[in-house]
Amino acid sequence: MSFISDIKGWVGALTELGLMLIALGVVTGLLVGANTPFIGNVTANIVGFVKDLGSNGLVGLIALGFILWLFSNRKVA
């Protein structure tokens, strides 16, 4: 079972890294401008994602609830 714990640790660490990179992209996008080199337009991508979820009605709402549930049950290692 140690193998599964190791995989869980790696997945958790990669998720944390991804969330930190998204936060970095949003902050640099706000400070520097929309098309930050090597990062792109993160805020426009997030806004587009939310619009896509919103245009799908109930399915989008269920998907958003599932995504929020996934991230709310995280434990920082």
PDB file of N, CA and C in Angstrom:
ATOM      1  N   MET A   1       0.814  -1.193   0.000  1.00  0.00           N
ATOM      2  CA  MET A   1       0.000   0.000   0.000  1.00  0.00           C
ATOM      3  C   MET A   1       0.859   1.258   0.000  1.00  0.00           C
ATOM      4  N   SER A   2       2.127   1.097   0.240  1.00  0.00           N
ATOM      5  CA  SER A   2       3.022   2.253   0.222  1.00  0.00           C
ATOM      6  C   SER A   2       3.095   2.851  -1.178  1.00  0.00           C
ATOM      7  N   PHE A   3       2.979   1.993  -2.184  1.00  0.00           N
ATOM      8  CA  PHE A   3       3.023   2.449  -3.571  1.00  0.00           C
ATOM      9  C   PHE A   3       1.862   3.392  -3.871  1.00  0.00           C
ATOM     10  N   ILE A   4       0.678   3.051  -3.400  1.00  0.00           N
ATOM     11  CA  ILE A   4      -0.501   3.891  -3.624  1.00  0.00           C
ATOM     12  C   ILE A   4      -0.357   5.209  -2.875  1.00  0.00           C
ATOM     13  N   SER A   5       0.186   5.163  -1.675  1.00  0.00           N
ATOM     14  CA  SER A   5       0.410   6.396  -0.916  1.00  0.00           C
ATOM     15  C   SER A   5       1.400   7.303  -1.627  1.00  0.00           C
ATOM     16  N   ASP A   6       2.430   6.706  -2.221  1.00  0.00           N
ATOM     17  CA  ASP A   6       3.402   7.498  -2.977  1.00  0.00           C
ATOM     18  C   ASP A   6       2.751   8.168  -4.181  1.00  0.00           C
ATOM     19  N   ILE A   7       1.908   7.433  -4.888  1.00  0.00           N
ATOM     20  CA  ILE A   7       1.216   7.998  -6.050  1.00  0.00           C
ATOM     21  C   ILE A   7       0.283   9.119  -5.617  1.00  0.00           C
ATOM     22  N   LYS A   8      -0.440   8.919  -4.511  1.00  0.00           N
ATOM     23  CA  LYS A   8      -1.316   9.969  -3.992  1.00  0.00           C
ATOM     24  C   LYS A   8      -0.513  11.219  -3.648  1.00  0.00           C
ATOM     25  N   GLY A   9       0.643  11.032  -3.066  1.00  0.00           N
ATOM     26  CA  GLY A   9       1.503  12.168  -2.727  1.00  0.00           C
ATOM     27  C   GLY A   9       1.948  12.927  -3.962  1.00  0.00           C
ATOM     28  N   TRP A  10       2.352  12.198  -5.000  1.00  0.00           N
ATOM     29  CA  TRP A  10       2.778  12.840  -6.247  1.00  0.00           C
ATOM     30  C   TRP A  10       1.627  13.580  -6.913  1.00  0.00           C
ATOM     31  N   VAL A  11       0.458  12.965  -6.956  1.00  0.00           N
ATOM     32  CA  VAL A  11      -0.706  13.614  -7.570  1.00  0.00           C
ATOM     33  C   VAL A  11      -1.087  14.865  -6.788  1.00  0.00           C
ATOM     34  N   GLY A  12      -1.052  14.787  -5.468  1.00  0.00           N
ATOM     35  CA  GLY A  12      -1.346  15.957  -4.641  1.00  0.00           C
ATOM     36  C   GLY A  12      -0.348  17.075  -4.862  1.00  0.00           C
ATOM     37  N   ALA A  13       0.928  16.713  -4.969  1.00  0.00           N
ATOM     38  CA  ALA A  13       1.960  17.724  -5.200  1.00  0.00           C
ATOM     39  C   ALA A  13       1.803  18.367  -6.576  1.00  0.00           C
ATOM     40  N   LEU A  14       1.479  17.580  -7.590  1.00  0.00           N
ATOM     41  CA  LEU A  14       1.272  18.133  -8.928  1.00  0.00           C
ATOM     42  C   LEU A  14       0.044  19.031  -8.977  1.00  0.00           C
ATOM     43  N   THR A  15      -0.998  18.662  -8.239  1.00  0.00           N
ATOM     44  CA  THR A  15      -2.193  19.501  -8.176  1.00  0.00           C
ATOM     45  C   THR A  15      -1.879  20.830  -7.512  1.00  0.00           C
ATOM     46  N   GLU A  16      -1.131  20.784  -6.414  1.00  0.00           N
ATOM     47  CA  GLU A  16      -0.729  22.018  -5.736  1.00  0.00           C
ATOM     48  C   GLU A  16       0.101  22.899  -6.662  1.00  0.00           C
ATOM     49  N   LEU A  17       1.021  22.292  -7.392  1.00  0.00           N
ATOM     50  CA  LEU A  17       1.853  23.049  -8.323  1.00  0.00           C
ATOM     51  C   LEU A  17       1.008  23.680  -9.417  1.00  0.00           C
ATOM     52  N   GLY A  18       0.051  22.934  -9.943  1.00  0.00           N
ATOM     53  CA  GLY A  18      -0.831  23.477 -10.976  1.00  0.00           C
ATOM     54  C   GLY A  18      -1.645  24.654 -10.481  1.00  0.00           C
ATOM     55  N   LEU A  19      -2.184  24.545  -9.268  1.00  0.00           N
ATOM     56  CA  LEU A  19      -2.961  25.650  -8.706  1.00  0.00           C
ATOM     57  C   LEU A  19      -2.090  26.876  -8.457  1.00  0.00           C
ATOM     58  N   MET A  20      -0.850  26.654  -8.022  1.00  0.00           N
ATOM     59  CA  MET A  20       0.070  27.781  -7.827  1.00  0.00           C
ATOM     60  C   MET A  20       0.404  28.453  -9.153  1.00  0.00           C
ATOM     61  N   LEU A  21       0.582  27.661 -10.208  1.00  0.00           N
ATOM     62  CA  LEU A  21       0.876  28.239 -11.519  1.00  0.00           C
ATOM     63  C   LEU A  21      -0.315  29.016 -12.069  1.00  0.00           C
ATOM     64  N   ILE A  22      -1.526  28.539 -11.816  1.00  0.00           N
ATOM     65  CA  ILE A  22      -2.714  29.282 -12.240  1.00  0.00           C
ATOM     66  C   ILE A  22      -2.784  30.608 -11.502  1.00  0.00           C
ATOM     67  N   ALA A  23      -2.538  30.585 -10.194  1.00  0.00           N
ATOM     68  CA  ALA A  23      -2.550  31.826  -9.417  1.00  0.00           C
ATOM     69  C   ALA A  23      -1.467  32.781  -9.908  1.00  0.00           C
ATOM     70  N   LEU A  24      -0.291  32.253 -10.215  1.00  0.00           N
ATOM     71  CA  LEU A  24       0.786  33.086 -10.750  1.00  0.00           C
ATOM     72  C   LEU A  24       0.390  33.691 -12.084  1.00  0.00           C
ATOM     73  N   GLY A  25      -0.260  32.921 -12.931  1.00  0.00           N
ATOM     74  CA  GLY A  25      -0.706  33.428 -14.225  1.00  0.00           C
ATOM     75  C   GLY A  25      -1.732  34.531 -14.096  1.00  0.00           C
ATOM     76  N   VAL A  26      -2.653  34.386 -13.143  1.00  0.00           N
ATOM     77  CA  VAL A  26      -3.667  35.425 -12.933  1.00  0.00           C
ATOM     78  C   VAL A  26      -3.016  36.706 -12.431  1.00  0.00           C
ATOM     79  N   VAL A  27      -2.123  36.588 -11.463  1.00  0.00           N
ATOM     80  CA  VAL A  27      -1.475  37.778 -10.900  1.00  0.00           C
ATOM     81  C   VAL A  27      -0.604  38.469 -11.937  1.00  0.00           C
ATOM     82  N   THR A  28       0.197  37.717 -12.679  1.00  0.00           N
ATOM     83  CA  THR A  28       1.035  38.354 -13.697  1.00  0.00           C
ATOM     84  C   THR A  28       0.196  38.930 -14.817  1.00  0.00           C
ATOM     85  N   GLY A  29      -0.917  38.294 -15.137  1.00  0.00           N
ATOM     86  CA  GLY A  29      -1.816  38.840 -16.150  1.00  0.00           C
ATOM     87  C   GLY A  29      -2.407  40.168 -15.723  1.00  0.00           C
ATOM     88  N   LEU A  30      -2.713  40.296 -14.443  1.00  0.00           N
ATOM     89  CA  LEU A  30      -3.250  41.554 -13.937  1.00  0.00           C
ATOM     90  C   LEU A  30      -2.178  42.635 -13.837  1.00  0.00           C
ATOM     91  N   LEU A  31      -0.966  42.250 -13.465  1.00  0.00           N
ATOM     92  CA  LEU A  31       0.102  43.234 -13.291  1.00  0.00           C
ATOM     93  C   LEU A  31       0.759  43.643 -14.603  1.00  0.00           C
ATOM     94  N   VAL A  32       1.049  42.683 -15.465  1.00  0.00           N
ATOM     95  CA  VAL A  32       1.820  42.949 -16.680  1.00  0.00           C
ATOM     96  C   VAL A  32       0.923  43.220 -17.876  1.00  0.00           C
ATOM     97  N   GLY A  33      -0.113  42.452 -18.023  1.00  0.00           N
ATOM     98  CA  GLY A  33      -0.998  42.611 -19.169  1.00  0.00           C
ATOM     99  C   GLY A  33      -1.551  41.275 -19.607  1.00  0.00           C
ATOM    100  N   ALA A  34      -2.368  41.337 -20.630  1.00  0.00           N
ATOM    101  CA  ALA A  34      -3.104  40.143 -21.048  1.00  0.00           C
ATOM    102  C   ALA A  34      -2.205  39.047 -21.610  1.00  0.00           C
ATOM    103  N   ASN A  35      -1.303  39.377 -22.492  1.00  0.00           N
ATOM    104  CA  ASN A  35      -0.484  38.349 -23.148  1.00  0.00           C
ATOM    105  C   ASN A  35       0.910  38.304 -22.549  1.00  0.00           C
ATOM    106  N   THR A  36       1.010  37.719 -21.385  1.00  0.00           N
ATOM    107  CA  THR A  36       2.285  37.566 -20.712  1.00  0.00           C
ATOM    108  C   THR A  36       3.076  36.457 -21.408  1.00  0.00           C
ATOM    109  N   PRO A  37       4.348  36.708 -21.742  1.00  0.00           N
ATOM    110  CA  PRO A  37       5.141  35.664 -22.405  1.00  0.00           C
ATOM    111  C   PRO A  37       5.242  34.399 -21.541  1.00  0.00           C
ATOM    112  N   PHE A  38       5.150  33.261 -22.170  1.00  0.00           N
ATOM    113  CA  PHE A  38       5.260  31.925 -21.577  1.00  0.00           C
ATOM    114  C   PHE A  38       4.088  31.562 -20.671  1.00  0.00           C
ATOM    115  N   ILE A  39       3.177  32.493 -20.417  1.00  0.00           N
ATOM    116  CA  ILE A  39       2.026  32.201 -19.563  1.00  0.00           C
ATOM    117  C   ILE A  39       0.740  32.322 -20.354  1.00  0.00           C
ATOM    118  N   GLY A  40       0.660  33.324 -21.215  1.00  0.00           N
ATOM    119  CA  GLY A  40      -0.531  33.522 -22.027  1.00  0.00           C
ATOM    120  C   GLY A  40      -1.586  34.318 -21.289  1.00  0.00           C
ATOM    121  N   ASN A  41      -2.793  34.221 -21.764  1.00  0.00           N
ATOM    122  CA  ASN A  41      -3.890  34.985 -21.195  1.00  0.00           C
ATOM    123  C   ASN A  41      -4.727  34.071 -20.306  1.00  0.00           C
ATOM    124  N   VAL A  42      -4.256  33.867 -19.094  1.00  0.00           N
ATOM    125  CA  VAL A  42      -4.889  32.935 -18.169  1.00  0.00           C
ATOM    126  C   VAL A  42      -6.280  33.411 -17.775  1.00  0.00           C
ATOM    127  N   THR A  43      -6.426  34.703 -17.526  1.00  0.00           N
ATOM    128  CA  THR A  43      -7.725  35.212 -17.084  1.00  0.00           C
ATOM    129  C   THR A  43      -8.789  35.027 -18.165  1.00  0.00           C
ATOM    130  N   ALA A  44      -8.432  35.233 -19.432  1.00  0.00           N
ATOM    131  CA  ALA A  44      -9.400  35.022 -20.516  1.00  0.00           C
ATOM    132  C   ALA A  44      -9.781  33.548 -20.620  1.00  0.00           C
ATOM    133  N   ASN A  45      -8.829  32.663 -20.393  1.00  0.00           N
ATOM    134  CA  ASN A  45      -9.130  31.227 -20.416  1.00  0.00           C
ATOM    135  C   ASN A  45     -10.076  30.843 -19.283  1.00  0.00           C
ATOM    136  N   ILE A  46      -9.869  31.408 -18.102  1.00  0.00           N
ATOM    137  CA  ILE A  46     -10.748  31.117 -16.971  1.00  0.00           C
ATOM    138  C   ILE A  46     -12.145  31.667 -17.230  1.00  0.00           C
ATOM    139  N   VAL A  47     -12.219  32.900 -17.753  1.00  0.00           N
ATOM    140  CA  VAL A  47     -13.519  33.501 -18.061  1.00  0.00           C
ATOM    141  C   VAL A  47     -14.242  32.681 -19.130  1.00  0.00           C
ATOM    142  N   GLY A  48     -13.528  32.226 -20.147  1.00  0.00           N
ATOM    143  CA  GLY A  48     -14.127  31.380 -21.177  1.00  0.00           C
ATOM    144  C   GLY A  48     -14.632  30.065 -20.621  1.00  0.00           C
ATOM    145  N   PHE A  49     -13.879  29.480 -19.705  1.00  0.00           N
ATOM    146  CA  PHE A  49     -14.287  28.228 -19.059  1.00  0.00           C
ATOM    147  C   PHE A  49     -15.577  28.421 -18.269  1.00  0.00           C
ATOM    148  N   VAL A  50     -15.653  29.519 -17.520  1.00  0.00           N
ATOM    149  CA  VAL A  50     -16.858  29.798 -16.729  1.00  0.00           C
ATOM    150  C   VAL A  50     -18.048  30.073 -17.642  1.00  0.00           C
ATOM    151  N   LYS A  51     -17.821  30.779 -18.754  1.00  0.00           N
ATOM    152  CA  LYS A  51     -18.910  31.033 -19.707  1.00  0.00           C
ATOM    153  C   LYS A  51     -19.410  29.734 -20.320  1.00  0.00           C
ATOM    154  N   ASP A  52     -18.483  28.836 -20.656  1.00  0.00           N
ATOM    155  CA  ASP A  52     -18.885  27.540 -21.208  1.00  0.00           C
ATOM    156  C   ASP A  52     -19.719  26.748 -20.208  1.00  0.00           C
ATOM    157  N   LEU A  53     -19.300  26.767 -18.940  1.00  0.00           N
ATOM    158  CA  LEU A  53     -20.084  26.067 -17.923  1.00  0.00           C
ATOM    159  C   LEU A  53     -21.450  26.714 -17.754  1.00  0.00           C
ATOM    160  N   GLY A  54     -21.489  28.049 -17.792  1.00  0.00           N
ATOM    161  CA  GLY A  54     -22.751  28.761 -17.619  1.00  0.00           C
ATOM    162  C   GLY A  54     -23.716  28.555 -18.768  1.00  0.00           C
ATOM    163  N   SER A  55     -23.203  28.397 -19.971  1.00  0.00           N
ATOM    164  CA  SER A  55     -24.086  28.223 -21.125  1.00  0.00           C
ATOM    165  C   SER A  55     -24.667  26.817 -21.210  1.00  0.00           C
ATOM    166  N   ASN A  56     -24.134  25.900 -20.436  1.00  0.00           N
ATOM    167  CA  ASN A  56     -24.628  24.524 -20.461  1.00  0.00           C
ATOM    168  C   ASN A  56     -25.719  24.254 -19.439  1.00  0.00           C
ATOM    169  N   GLY A  57     -26.159  25.263 -18.731  1.00  0.00           N
ATOM    170  CA  GLY A  57     -27.283  25.124 -17.809  1.00  0.00           C
ATOM    171  C   GLY A  57     -27.001  24.193 -16.653  1.00  0.00           C
ATOM    172  N   LEU A  58     -27.886  23.234 -16.456  1.00  0.00           N
ATOM    173  CA  LEU A  58     -27.806  22.336 -15.311  1.00  0.00           C
ATOM    174  C   LEU A  58     -26.558  21.458 -15.367  1.00  0.00           C
ATOM    175  N   VAL A  59     -26.185  21.011 -16.543  1.00  0.00           N
ATOM    176  CA  VAL A  59     -24.988  20.176 -16.677  1.00  0.00           C
ATOM    177  C   VAL A  59     -23.752  20.966 -16.260  1.00  0.00           C
ATOM    178  N   GLY A  60     -23.684  22.230 -16.666  1.00  0.00           N
ATOM    179  CA  GLY A  60     -22.565  23.078 -16.265  1.00  0.00           C
ATOM    180  C   GLY A  60     -22.541  23.317 -14.774  1.00  0.00           C
ATOM    181  N   LEU A  61     -23.712  23.483 -14.177  1.00  0.00           N
ATOM    182  CA  LEU A  61     -23.798  23.685 -12.737  1.00  0.00           C
ATOM    183  C   LEU A  61     -23.352  22.441 -11.980  1.00  0.00           C
ATOM    184  N   ILE A  62     -23.743  21.284 -12.466  1.00  0.00           N
ATOM    185  CA  ILE A  62     -23.317  20.030 -11.840  1.00  0.00           C
ATOM    186  C   ILE A  62     -21.807  19.858 -11.984  1.00  0.00           C
ATOM    187  N   ALA A  63     -21.263  20.167 -13.163  1.00  0.00           N
ATOM    188  CA  ALA A  63     -19.818  20.055 -13.376  1.00  0.00           C
ATOM    189  C   ALA A  63     -19.065  21.017 -12.468  1.00  0.00           C
ATOM    190  N   LEU A  64     -19.560  22.246 -12.332  1.00  0.00           N
ATOM    191  CA  LEU A  64     -18.917  23.217 -11.451  1.00  0.00           C
ATOM    192  C   LEU A  64     -18.960  22.743 -10.006  1.00  0.00           C
ATOM    193  N   GLY A  65     -20.085  22.202  -9.573  1.00  0.00           N
ATOM    194  CA  GLY A  65     -20.186  21.666  -8.217  1.00  0.00           C
ATOM    195  C   GLY A  65     -19.217  20.521  -7.988  1.00  0.00           C
ATOM    196  N   PHE A  66     -19.059  19.660  -8.986  1.00  0.00           N
ATOM    197  CA  PHE A  66     -18.121  18.540  -8.868  1.00  0.00           C
ATOM    198  C   PHE A  66     -16.682  19.035  -8.778  1.00  0.00           C
ATOM    199  N   ILE A  67     -16.328  20.025  -9.588  1.00  0.00           N
ATOM    200  CA  ILE A  67     -14.972  20.582  -9.556  1.00  0.00           C
ATOM    201  C   ILE A  67     -14.699  21.226  -8.204  1.00  0.00           C
ATOM    202  N   LEU A  68     -15.655  21.997  -7.701  1.00  0.00           N
ATOM    203  CA  LEU A  68     -15.482  22.617  -6.387  1.00  0.00           C
ATOM    204  C   LEU A  68     -15.374  21.571  -5.289  1.00  0.00           C
ATOM    205  N   TRP A  69     -16.151  20.500  -5.392  1.00  0.00           N
ATOM    206  CA  TRP A  69     -16.071  19.428  -4.408  1.00  0.00           C
ATOM    207  C   TRP A  69     -14.691  18.769  -4.432  1.00  0.00           C
ATOM    208  N   LEU A  70     -14.149  18.550  -5.621  1.00  0.00           N
ATOM    209  CA  LEU A  70     -12.821  17.936  -5.726  1.00  0.00           C
ATOM    210  C   LEU A  70     -11.763  18.778  -5.032  1.00  0.00           C
ATOM    211  N   PHE A  71     -11.806  20.092  -5.257  1.00  0.00           N
ATOM    212  CA  PHE A  71     -10.779  20.952  -4.689  1.00  0.00           C
ATOM    213  C   PHE A  71     -11.022  21.264  -3.216  1.00  0.00           C
ATOM    214  N   SER A  72     -12.246  21.154  -2.737  1.00  0.00           N
ATOM    215  CA  SER A  72     -12.505  21.452  -1.330  1.00  0.00           C
ATOM    216  C   SER A  72     -12.082  20.306  -0.417  1.00  0.00           C
ATOM    217  N   ASN A  73     -11.982  19.112  -0.944  1.00  0.00           N
ATOM    218  CA  ASN A  73     -11.592  17.959  -0.137  1.00  0.00           C
ATOM    219  C   ASN A  73     -10.088  17.714  -0.133  1.00  0.00           C
ATOM    220  N   ARG A  74      -9.323  18.663  -0.622  1.00  0.00           N
ATOM    221  CA  ARG A  74      -7.871  18.500  -0.650  1.00  0.00           C
ATOM    222  C   ARG A  74      -7.293  18.723   0.738  1.00  0.00           C
ATOM    223  N   LYS A  75      -6.221  18.021   1.027  1.00  0.00           N
ATOM    224  CA  LYS A  75      -5.473  18.228   2.261  1.00  0.00           C
ATOM    225  C   LYS A  75      -4.059  18.618   1.870  1.00  0.00           C
ATOM    226  N   VAL A  76      -3.616  19.741   2.383  1.00  0.00           N
ATOM    227  CA  VAL A  76      -2.270  20.201   2.063  1.00  0.00           C
ATOM    228  C   VAL A  76      -1.288  19.366   2.861  1.00  0.00           C
ATOM    229  N   ALA A  77      -0.320  18.790   2.157  1.00  0.00           N
ATOM    230  CA  ALA A  77       0.652  17.914   2.816  1.00  0.00           C
ATOM    231  C   ALA A  77       1.728  18.706   3.509  1.00  0.00           C
TER     232      ALA A  77
END
